[in-house]
Amino acid sequence: MKTKKHRLLALALISNFTLLGAASAAVQYPDGGVWTYGEGSGGGWAFSNYYHGKKYHYSSIVSRWDGHSDKGEAPAGKTSYAWIWTKWGEQVAFYCDYD
C-alpha cells in the first residue's frame, strides 16, 4: 500500500494567534480530502481533522515542546479527529495521512 503523508509544521502559528487573541484555522484539500487544523482563541487547545470520501485516513497533532500528541483514524466517508491541550505560545505540528 502506498501512503502519502501531508504535513504542516506550525512553528509559530499558536504563539502568533495567541497574541492576537483570535482562534485560527486553516483548510487544505489533499488528494480529494478536506483537512482542517488550527488552535483555539488564546491558546489552550489545537486540532487536526481530516475527511476523505474514498480512503481510510488519519489526522494527528504533536507538541513540539514535550511530544504529547493525539491521532484520529477513520474509514472512507467519516472524519478523523485529533485534539490536544496546549500552553501559551506552544508550537505544534499538524499532520494528515491516508492509505
PDB file of N, CA and C in Angstrom:
ATOM      1  N   MET A   1       0.830  -1.167   0.000  1.00  0.00           N
ATOM      2  CA  MET A   1       0.000   0.000   0.000  1.00  0.00           C
ATOM      3  C   MET A   1       0.882   1.240   0.000  1.00  0.00           C
ATOM      4  N   LYS A   2       0.606   2.129  -0.897  1.00  0.00           N
ATOM      5  CA  LYS A   2       1.375   3.365  -0.945  1.00  0.00           C
ATOM      6  C   LYS A   2       0.704   4.396  -0.051  1.00  0.00           C
ATOM      7  N   THR A   3       1.485   5.006   0.794  1.00  0.00           N
ATOM      8  CA  THR A   3       0.951   6.011   1.705  1.00  0.00           C
ATOM      9  C   THR A   3       1.591   7.344   1.401  1.00  0.00           C
ATOM     10  N   LYS A   4       0.767   8.367   1.253  1.00  0.00           N
ATOM     11  CA  LYS A   4       1.277   9.724   1.095  1.00  0.00           C
ATOM     12  C   LYS A   4       1.093  10.440   2.412  1.00  0.00           C
ATOM     13  N   LYS A   5       2.034  11.236   2.761  1.00  0.00           N
ATOM     14  CA  LYS A   5       1.938  11.986   4.012  1.00  0.00           C
ATOM     15  C   LYS A   5       1.914  13.473   3.695  1.00  0.00           C
ATOM     16  N   HIS A   6       0.973  14.132   4.260  1.00  0.00           N
ATOM     17  CA  HIS A   6       0.869  15.578   4.148  1.00  0.00           C
ATOM     18  C   HIS A   6       1.105  16.142   5.531  1.00  0.00           C
ATOM     19  N   ARG A   7       1.896  17.178   5.603  1.00  0.00           N
ATOM     20  CA  ARG A   7       2.138  17.732   6.924  1.00  0.00           C
ATOM     21  C   ARG A   7       2.378  19.226   6.853  1.00  0.00           C
ATOM     22  N   LEU A   8       2.127  19.849   7.940  1.00  0.00           N
ATOM     23  CA  LEU A   8       2.412  21.266   8.111  1.00  0.00           C
ATOM     24  C   LEU A   8       2.999  21.438   9.489  1.00  0.00           C
ATOM     25  N   LEU A   9       4.193  21.983   9.554  1.00  0.00           N
ATOM     26  CA  LEU A   9       4.793  22.279  10.849  1.00  0.00           C
ATOM     27  C   LEU A   9       4.433  23.709  11.192  1.00  0.00           C
ATOM     28  N   ALA A  10       3.740  23.879  12.274  1.00  0.00           N
ATOM     29  CA  ALA A  10       3.282  25.202  12.686  1.00  0.00           C
ATOM     30  C   ALA A  10       4.244  25.762  13.716  1.00  0.00           C
ATOM     31  N   LEU A  11       5.358  26.248  13.265  1.00  0.00           N
ATOM     32  CA  LEU A  11       6.397  26.700  14.183  1.00  0.00           C
ATOM     33  C   LEU A  11       5.979  27.908  14.994  1.00  0.00           C
ATOM     34  N   ALA A  12       5.178  28.777  14.405  1.00  0.00           N
ATOM     35  CA  ALA A  12       4.794  29.986  15.129  1.00  0.00           C
ATOM     36  C   ALA A  12       3.296  30.208  15.151  1.00  0.00           C
ATOM     37  N   LEU A  13       2.541  29.322  14.593  1.00  0.00           N
ATOM     38  CA  LEU A  13       1.097  29.513  14.471  1.00  0.00           C
ATOM     39  C   LEU A  13       0.426  29.770  15.803  1.00  0.00           C
ATOM     40  N   ILE A  14       0.651  28.912  16.775  1.00  0.00           N
ATOM     41  CA  ILE A  14      -0.021  29.052  18.063  1.00  0.00           C
ATOM     42  C   ILE A  14       0.362  30.362  18.729  1.00  0.00           C
ATOM     43  N   SER A  15       1.645  30.662  18.803  1.00  0.00           N
ATOM     44  CA  SER A  15       2.058  31.879  19.505  1.00  0.00           C
ATOM     45  C   SER A  15       1.589  33.133  18.783  1.00  0.00           C
ATOM     46  N   ASN A  16       1.615  33.159  17.467  1.00  0.00           N
ATOM     47  CA  ASN A  16       1.177  34.347  16.742  1.00  0.00           C
ATOM     48  C   ASN A  16      -0.295  34.638  16.970  1.00  0.00           C
ATOM     49  N   PHE A  17      -1.137  33.640  16.844  1.00  0.00           N
ATOM     50  CA  PHE A  17      -2.558  33.884  17.000  1.00  0.00           C
ATOM     51  C   PHE A  17      -2.962  34.036  18.455  1.00  0.00           C
ATOM     52  N   THR A  18      -2.197  33.465  19.362  1.00  0.00           N
ATOM     53  CA  THR A  18      -2.468  33.667  20.781  1.00  0.00           C
ATOM     54  C   THR A  18      -2.287  35.135  21.139  1.00  0.00           C
ATOM     55  N   LEU A  19      -1.250  35.756  20.617  1.00  0.00           N
ATOM     56  CA  LEU A  19      -1.021  37.171  20.886  1.00  0.00           C
ATOM     57  C   LEU A  19      -2.159  38.030  20.355  1.00  0.00           C
ATOM     58  N   LEU A  20      -2.749  37.627  19.256  1.00  0.00           N
ATOM     59  CA  LEU A  20      -3.867  38.369  18.684  1.00  0.00           C
ATOM     60  C   LEU A  20      -5.176  38.067  19.400  1.00  0.00           C
ATOM     61  N   GLY A  21      -5.236  36.991  20.146  1.00  0.00           N
ATOM     62  CA  GLY A  21      -6.436  36.628  20.887  1.00  0.00           C
ATOM     63  C   GLY A  21      -7.551  36.086  20.017  1.00  0.00           C
ATOM     64  N   ALA A  22      -7.221  35.559  18.861  1.00  0.00           N
ATOM     65  CA  ALA A  22      -8.244  35.041  17.963  1.00  0.00           C
ATOM     66  C   ALA A  22      -7.964  33.577  17.653  1.00  0.00           C
ATOM     67  N   ALA A  23      -9.027  32.818  17.461  1.00  0.00           N
ATOM     68  CA  ALA A  23      -8.856  31.433  17.041  1.00  0.00           C
ATOM     69  C   ALA A  23      -8.349  31.432  15.609  1.00  0.00           C
ATOM     70  N   SER A  24      -7.563  30.445  15.273  1.00  0.00           N
ATOM     71  CA  SER A  24      -7.071  30.342  13.906  1.00  0.00           C
ATOM     72  C   SER A  24      -7.338  28.941  13.389  1.00  0.00           C
ATOM     73  N   ALA A  25      -7.643  28.863  12.130  1.00  0.00           N
ATOM     74  CA  ALA A  25      -7.863  27.570  11.494  1.00  0.00           C
ATOM     75  C   ALA A  25      -7.472  27.681  10.031  1.00  0.00           C
ATOM     76  N   ALA A  26      -7.098  26.564   9.461  1.00  0.00           N
ATOM     77  CA  ALA A  26      -6.748  26.504   8.051  1.00  0.00           C
ATOM     78  C   ALA A  26      -7.463  25.313   7.430  1.00  0.00           C
ATOM     79  N   VAL A  27      -7.651  25.381   6.119  1.00  0.00           N
ATOM     80  CA  VAL A  27      -8.276  24.285   5.377  1.00  0.00           C
ATOM     81  C   VAL A  27      -7.408  23.987   4.163  1.00  0.00           C
ATOM     82  N   GLN A  28      -7.136  22.713   3.932  1.00  0.00           N
ATOM     83  CA  GLN A  28      -6.457  22.265   2.722  1.00  0.00           C
ATOM     84  C   GLN A  28      -7.231  21.080   2.164  1.00  0.00           C
ATOM     85  N   TYR A  29      -6.965  20.754   0.892  1.00  0.00           N
ATOM     86  CA  TYR A  29      -7.702  19.699   0.205  1.00  0.00           C
ATOM     87  C   TYR A  29      -6.738  18.662  -0.385  1.00  0.00           C
ATOM     88  N   PRO A  30      -6.016  17.922   0.464  1.00  0.00           N
ATOM     89  CA  PRO A  30      -5.045  16.957  -0.054  1.00  0.00           C
ATOM     90  C   PRO A  30      -5.711  15.741  -0.694  1.00  0.00           C
ATOM     91  N   ASP A  31      -5.404  15.513  -1.943  1.00  0.00           N
ATOM     92  CA  ASP A  31      -5.829  14.311  -2.666  1.00  0.00           C
ATOM     93  C   ASP A  31      -7.312  13.990  -2.541  1.00  0.00           C
ATOM     94  N   GLY A  32      -8.151  14.999  -2.670  1.00  0.00           N
ATOM     95  CA  GLY A  32      -9.588  14.786  -2.654  1.00  0.00           C
ATOM     96  C   GLY A  32     -10.230  14.789  -1.286  1.00  0.00           C
ATOM     97  N   GLY A  33      -9.449  15.004  -0.235  1.00  0.00           N
ATOM     98  CA  GLY A  33      -9.985  15.080   1.121  1.00  0.00           C
ATOM     99  C   GLY A  33     -10.113  16.521   1.575  1.00  0.00           C
ATOM    100  N   VAL A  34     -10.594  16.708   2.792  1.00  0.00           N
ATOM    101  CA  VAL A  34     -10.695  18.036   3.402  1.00  0.00           C
ATOM    102  C   VAL A  34     -10.004  17.969   4.762  1.00  0.00           C
ATOM    103  N   TRP A  35      -8.946  18.759   4.919  1.00  0.00           N
ATOM    104  CA  TRP A  35      -8.152  18.769   6.147  1.00  0.00           C
ATOM    105  C   TRP A  35      -8.285  20.125   6.808  1.00  0.00           C
ATOM    106  N   THR A  36      -8.765  20.142   8.043  1.00  0.00           N
ATOM    107  CA  THR A  36      -8.849  21.379   8.820  1.00  0.00           C
ATOM    108  C   THR A  36      -7.967  21.230  10.048  1.00  0.00           C
ATOM    109  N   TYR A  37      -7.269  22.300  10.396  1.00  0.00           N
ATOM    110  CA  TYR A  37      -6.371  22.270  11.546  1.00  0.00           C
ATOM    111  C   TYR A  37      -6.192  23.685  12.074  1.00  0.00           C
ATOM    112  N   GLY A  38      -5.868  23.793  13.354  1.00  0.00           N
ATOM    113  CA  GLY A  38      -5.670  25.111  13.937  1.00  0.00           C
ATOM    114  C   GLY A  38      -5.620  25.052  15.447  1.00  0.00           C
ATOM    115  N   GLU A  39      -5.872  26.230  16.065  1.00  0.00           N
ATOM    116  CA  GLU A  39      -5.783  26.345  17.520  1.00  0.00           C
ATOM    117  C   GLU A  39      -6.862  27.261  18.043  1.00  0.00           C
ATOM    118  N   GLY A  40      -7.099  27.177  19.336  1.00  0.00           N
ATOM    119  CA  GLY A  40      -8.164  27.935  19.963  1.00  0.00           C
ATOM    120  C   GLY A  40      -7.776  29.350  20.328  1.00  0.00           C
ATOM    121  N   SER A  41      -8.764  30.146  20.558  1.00  0.00           N
ATOM    122  CA  SER A  41      -8.569  31.528  20.975  1.00  0.00           C
ATOM    123  C   SER A  41      -7.790  31.574  22.280  1.00  0.00           C
ATOM    124  N   GLY A  42      -6.680  32.300  22.280  1.00  0.00           N
ATOM    125  CA  GLY A  42      -5.864  32.395  23.482  1.00  0.00           C
ATOM    126  C   GLY A  42      -5.066  31.141  23.778  1.00  0.00           C
ATOM    127  N   GLY A  43      -4.898  30.268  22.798  1.00  0.00           N
ATOM    128  CA  GLY A  43      -4.195  29.005  23.029  1.00  0.00           C
ATOM    129  C   GLY A  43      -5.096  28.042  23.766  1.00  0.00           C
ATOM    130  N   GLY A  44      -4.521  27.101  24.461  1.00  0.00           N
ATOM    131  CA  GLY A  44      -5.310  26.171  25.255  1.00  0.00           C
ATOM    132  C   GLY A  44      -5.588  24.847  24.580  1.00  0.00           C
ATOM    133  N   TRP A  45      -5.748  24.840  23.268  1.00  0.00           N
ATOM    134  CA  TRP A  45      -6.012  23.597  22.558  1.00  0.00           C
ATOM    135  C   TRP A  45      -5.665  23.759  21.082  1.00  0.00           C
ATOM    136  N   ALA A  46      -5.482  22.635  20.414  1.00  0.00           N
ATOM    137  CA  ALA A  46      -5.220  22.618  18.979  1.00  0.00           C
ATOM    138  C   ALA A  46      -5.838  21.342  18.401  1.00  0.00           C
ATOM    139  N   PHE A  47      -6.149  21.366  17.106  1.00  0.00           N
ATOM    140  CA  PHE A  47      -6.832  20.234  16.485  1.00  0.00           C
ATOM    141  C   PHE A  47      -6.335  19.984  15.066  1.00  0.00           C
ATOM    142  N   SER A  48      -6.561  18.763  14.597  1.00  0.00           N
ATOM    143  CA  SER A  48      -6.298  18.366  13.220  1.00  0.00           C
ATOM    144  C   SER A  48      -7.368  17.349  12.843  1.00  0.00           C
ATOM    145  N   ASN A  49      -8.219  17.689  11.889  1.00  0.00           N
ATOM    146  CA  ASN A  49      -9.319  16.826  11.465  1.00  0.00           C
ATOM    147  C   ASN A  49      -9.216  16.603   9.959  1.00  0.00           C
ATOM    148  N   TYR A  50      -9.511  15.395   9.507  1.00  0.00           N
ATOM    149  CA  TYR A  50      -9.376  15.075   8.083  1.00  0.00           C
ATOM    150  C   TYR A  50     -10.542  14.199   7.643  1.00  0.00           C
ATOM    151  N   TYR A  51     -11.163  14.609   6.528  1.00  0.00           N
ATOM    152  CA  TYR A  51     -12.248  13.838   5.916  1.00  0.00           C
ATOM    153  C   TYR A  51     -11.781  13.380   4.543  1.00  0.00           C
ATOM    154  N   HIS A  52     -12.033  12.110   4.233  1.00  0.00           N
ATOM    155  CA  HIS A  52     -11.791  11.616   2.876  1.00  0.00           C
ATOM    156  C   HIS A  52     -12.927  10.671   2.521  1.00  0.00           C
ATOM    157  N   GLY A  53     -13.512  10.876   1.372  1.00  0.00           N
ATOM    158  CA  GLY A  53     -14.663  10.088   0.960  1.00  0.00           C
ATOM    159  C   GLY A  53     -14.345   8.707   0.413  1.00  0.00           C
ATOM    160  N   LYS A  54     -13.070   8.462   0.024  1.00  0.00           N
ATOM    161  CA  LYS A  54     -12.752   7.203  -0.649  1.00  0.00           C
ATOM    162  C   LYS A  54     -11.637   6.384  -0.008  1.00  0.00           C
ATOM    163  N   LYS A  55     -10.940   6.932   0.989  1.00  0.00           N
ATOM    164  CA  LYS A  55      -9.791   6.226   1.551  1.00  0.00           C
ATOM    165  C   LYS A  55      -9.818   6.222   3.077  1.00  0.00           C
ATOM    166  N   TYR A  56      -9.266   5.150   3.661  1.00  0.00           N
ATOM    167  CA  TYR A  56      -9.032   5.123   5.104  1.00  0.00           C
ATOM    168  C   TYR A  56      -7.969   6.177   5.390  1.00  0.00           C
ATOM    169  N   HIS A  57      -8.143   6.966   6.470  1.00  0.00           N
ATOM    170  CA  HIS A  57      -7.267   8.116   6.664  1.00  0.00           C
ATOM    171  C   HIS A  57      -7.028   8.421   8.140  1.00  0.00           C
ATOM    172  N   TYR A  58      -6.081   9.335   8.381  1.00  0.00           N
ATOM    173  CA  TYR A  58      -5.627   9.680   9.725  1.00  0.00           C
ATOM    174  C   TYR A  58      -5.442  11.190   9.837  1.00  0.00           C
ATOM    175  N   SER A  59      -5.539  11.697  11.034  1.00  0.00           N
ATOM    176  CA  SER A  59      -5.103  13.063  11.331  1.00  0.00           C
ATOM    177  C   SER A  59      -4.408  13.007  12.681  1.00  0.00           C
ATOM    178  N   SER A  60      -3.416  13.865  12.857  1.00  0.00           N
ATOM    179  CA  SER A  60      -2.704  13.867  14.134  1.00  0.00           C
ATOM    180  C   SER A  60      -2.136  15.243  14.420  1.00  0.00           C
ATOM    181  N   ILE A  61      -1.751  15.418  15.668  1.00  0.00           N
ATOM    182  CA  ILE A  61      -1.150  16.660  16.126  1.00  0.00           C
ATOM    183  C   ILE A  61      -0.127  16.301  17.195  1.00  0.00           C
ATOM    184  N   VAL A  62       1.022  16.990  17.170  1.00  0.00           N
ATOM    185  CA  VAL A  62       2.115  16.688  18.097  1.00  0.00           C
ATOM    186  C   VAL A  62       2.687  17.990  18.646  1.00  0.00           C
ATOM    187  N   SER A  63       2.855  18.057  19.953  1.00  0.00           N
ATOM    188  CA  SER A  63       3.512  19.205  20.570  1.00  0.00           C
ATOM    189  C   SER A  63       4.996  19.163  20.241  1.00  0.00           C
ATOM    190  N   ARG A  64       5.535  20.281  19.795  1.00  0.00           N
ATOM    191  CA  ARG A  64       6.973  20.359  19.541  1.00  0.00           C
ATOM    192  C   ARG A  64       7.732  20.654  20.829  1.00  0.00           C
ATOM    193  N   TRP A  65       7.020  20.938  21.904  1.00  0.00           N
ATOM    194  CA  TRP A  65       7.662  21.216  23.192  1.00  0.00           C
ATOM    195  C   TRP A  65       7.917  19.951  23.983  1.00  0.00           C
ATOM    196  N   ASP A  66       6.874  19.129  24.144  1.00  0.00           N
ATOM    197  CA  ASP A  66       7.042  17.956  25.006  1.00  0.00           C
ATOM    198  C   ASP A  66       6.606  16.640  24.356  1.00  0.00           C
ATOM    199  N   GLY A  67       6.201  16.685  23.095  1.00  0.00           N
ATOM    200  CA  GLY A  67       5.872  15.467  22.368  1.00  0.00           C
ATOM    201  C   GLY A  67       4.496  14.887  22.611  1.00  0.00           C
ATOM    202  N   HIS A  68       3.673  15.514  23.484  1.00  0.00           N
ATOM    203  CA  HIS A  68       2.341  14.923  23.665  1.00  0.00           C
ATOM    204  C   HIS A  68       1.573  15.055  22.352  1.00  0.00           C
ATOM    205  N   SER A  69       0.689  14.093  22.103  1.00  0.00           N
ATOM    206  CA  SER A  69       0.075  14.007  20.783  1.00  0.00           C
ATOM    207  C   SER A  69      -1.287  13.330  20.854  1.00  0.00           C
ATOM    208  N   ASP A  70      -1.976  13.395  19.726  1.00  0.00           N
ATOM    209  CA  ASP A  70      -3.222  12.661  19.554  1.00  0.00           C
ATOM    210  C   ASP A  70      -3.318  12.282  18.088  1.00  0.00           C
ATOM    211  N   LYS A  71      -3.952  11.142  17.817  1.00  0.00           N
ATOM    212  CA  LYS A  71      -4.130  10.674  16.451  1.00  0.00           C
ATOM    213  C   LYS A  71      -5.542  10.158  16.296  1.00  0.00           C
ATOM    214  N   GLY A  72      -6.196  10.569  15.221  1.00  0.00           N
ATOM    215  CA  GLY A  72      -7.518  10.061  14.897  1.00  0.00           C
ATOM    216  C   GLY A  72      -7.448   9.240  13.619  1.00  0.00           C
ATOM    217  N   GLU A  73      -8.275   8.211  13.527  1.00  0.00           N
ATOM    218  CA  GLU A  73      -8.350   7.367  12.339  1.00  0.00           C
ATOM    219  C   GLU A  73      -9.810   7.233  11.945  1.00  0.00           C
ATOM    220  N   ALA A  74     -10.066   7.091  10.643  1.00  0.00           N
ATOM    221  CA  ALA A  74     -11.452   6.943  10.197  1.00  0.00           C
ATOM    222  C   ALA A  74     -11.512   6.225   8.850  1.00  0.00           C
ATOM    223  N   PRO A  75     -12.593   5.476   8.622  1.00  0.00           N
ATOM    224  CA  PRO A  75     -12.791   4.860   7.312  1.00  0.00           C
ATOM    225  C   PRO A  75     -13.268   5.903   6.303  1.00  0.00           C
ATOM    226  N   ALA A  76     -13.271   5.530   5.050  1.00  0.00           N
ATOM    227  CA  ALA A  76     -13.774   6.412   3.995  1.00  0.00           C
ATOM    228  C   ALA A  76     -15.172   6.909   4.346  1.00  0.00           C
ATOM    229  N   GLY A  77     -15.421   8.174   4.090  1.00  0.00           N
ATOM    230  CA  GLY A  77     -16.728   8.757   4.349  1.00  0.00           C
ATOM    231  C   GLY A  77     -16.931   9.291   5.752  1.00  0.00           C
ATOM    232  N   LYS A  78     -15.952   9.135   6.626  1.00  0.00           N
ATOM    233  CA  LYS A  78     -16.018   9.643   8.006  1.00  0.00           C
ATOM    234  C   LYS A  78     -14.855  10.606   8.237  1.00  0.00           C
ATOM    235  N   THR A  79     -14.920  11.375   9.316  1.00  0.00           N
ATOM    236  CA  THR A  79     -13.867  12.330   9.660  1.00  0.00           C
ATOM    237  C   THR A  79     -13.015  11.789  10.798  1.00  0.00           C
ATOM    238  N   SER A  80     -11.702  11.922  10.670  1.00  0.00           N
ATOM    239  CA  SER A  80     -10.795  11.593  11.777  1.00  0.00           C
ATOM    240  C   SER A  80     -10.556  12.865  12.580  1.00  0.00           C
ATOM    241  N   TYR A  81     -10.491  12.720  13.906  1.00  0.00           N
ATOM    242  CA  TYR A  81     -10.341  13.866  14.803  1.00  0.00           C
ATOM    243  C   TYR A  81      -9.136  13.670  15.715  1.00  0.00           C
ATOM    244  N   ALA A  82      -8.297  14.700  15.823  1.00  0.00           N
ATOM    245  CA  ALA A  82      -7.180  14.701  16.772  1.00  0.00           C
ATOM    246  C   ALA A  82      -7.193  16.045  17.488  1.00  0.00           C
ATOM    247  N   TRP A  83      -6.912  16.023  18.813  1.00  0.00           N
ATOM    248  CA  TRP A  83      -7.050  17.229  19.635  1.00  0.00           C
ATOM    249  C   TRP A  83      -6.132  17.138  20.838  1.00  0.00           C
ATOM    250  N   ILE A  84      -5.434  18.241  21.181  1.00  0.00           N
ATOM    251  CA  ILE A  84      -4.602  18.267  22.389  1.00  0.00           C
ATOM    252  C   ILE A  84      -4.757  19.600  23.115  1.00  0.00           C
ATOM    253  N   TRP A  85      -4.473  19.572  24.421  1.00  0.00           N
ATOM    254  CA  TRP A  85      -4.344  20.793  25.204  1.00  0.00           C
ATOM    255  C   TRP A  85      -2.986  21.406  24.887  1.00  0.00           C
ATOM    256  N   THR A  86      -2.903  22.731  24.859  1.00  0.00           N
ATOM    257  CA  THR A  86      -1.628  23.412  24.638  1.00  0.00           C
ATOM    258  C   THR A  86      -1.426  24.506  25.671  1.00  0.00           C
ATOM    259  N   LYS A  87      -0.180  24.926  25.803  1.00  0.00           N
ATOM    260  CA  LYS A  87       0.164  26.040  26.684  1.00  0.00           C
ATOM    261  C   LYS A  87       0.335  27.299  25.844  1.00  0.00           C
ATOM    262  N   TRP A  88       0.343  28.450  26.501  1.00  0.00           N
ATOM    263  CA  TRP A  88       0.516  29.715  25.803  1.00  0.00           C
ATOM    264  C   TRP A  88       1.825  29.689  25.016  1.00  0.00           C
ATOM    265  N   GLY A  89       1.758  30.000  23.730  1.00  0.00           N
ATOM    266  CA  GLY A  89       2.938  30.059  22.886  1.00  0.00           C
ATOM    267  C   GLY A  89       3.490  28.723  22.430  1.00  0.00           C
ATOM    268  N   GLU A  90       2.822  27.629  22.756  1.00  0.00           N
ATOM    269  CA  GLU A  90       3.331  26.301  22.408  1.00  0.00           C
ATOM    270  C   GLU A  90       3.334  26.086  20.897  1.00  0.00           C
ATOM    271  N   GLN A  91       4.370  25.452  20.411  1.00  0.00           N
ATOM    272  CA  GLN A  91       4.477  25.128  18.996  1.00  0.00           C
ATOM    273  C   GLN A  91       4.006  23.696  18.777  1.00  0.00           C
ATOM    274  N   VAL A  92       3.249  23.501  17.707  1.00  0.00           N
ATOM    275  CA  VAL A  92       2.722  22.173  17.400  1.00  0.00           C
ATOM    276  C   VAL A  92       2.931  21.855  15.926  1.00  0.00           C
ATOM    277  N   ALA A  93       2.856  20.571  15.601  1.00  0.00           N
ATOM    278  CA  ALA A  93       2.909  20.113  14.217  1.00  0.00           C
ATOM    279  C   ALA A  93       1.594  19.410  13.904  1.00  0.00           C
ATOM    280  N   PHE A  94       1.025  19.718  12.749  1.00  0.00           N
ATOM    281  CA  PHE A  94      -0.233  19.129  12.305  1.00  0.00           C
ATOM    282  C   PHE A  94       0.067  18.165  11.161  1.00  0.00           C
ATOM    283  N   TYR A  95      -0.655  17.039  11.125  1.00  0.00           N
ATOM    284  CA  TYR A  95      -0.437  16.050  10.071  1.00  0.00           C
ATOM    285  C   TYR A  95      -1.763  15.458   9.598  1.00  0.00           C
ATOM    286  N   CYS A  96      -1.767  15.013   8.341  1.00  0.00           N
ATOM    287  CA  CYS A  96      -2.828  14.123   7.863  1.00  0.00           C
ATOM    288  C   CYS A  96      -2.178  13.116   6.931  1.00  0.00           C
ATOM    289  N   ASP A  97      -2.821  11.977   6.780  1.00  0.00           N
ATOM    290  CA  ASP A  97      -2.239  10.875   6.024  1.00  0.00           C
ATOM    291  C   ASP A  97      -3.383   9.970   5.576  1.00  0.00           C
ATOM    292  N   TYR A  98      -3.146   9.138   4.578  1.00  0.00           N
ATOM    293  CA  TYR A  98      -4.157   8.170   4.154  1.00  0.00           C
ATOM    294  C   TYR A  98      -3.483   6.946   3.561  1.00  0.00           C
ATOM    295  N   ASP A  99      -4.253   5.857   3.494  1.00  0.00           N
ATOM    296  CA  ASP A  99      -3.755   4.614   2.889  1.00  0.00           C
ATOM    297  C   ASP A  99      -4.241   4.532   1.459  1.00  0.00           C
TER     298      ASP A  99
END
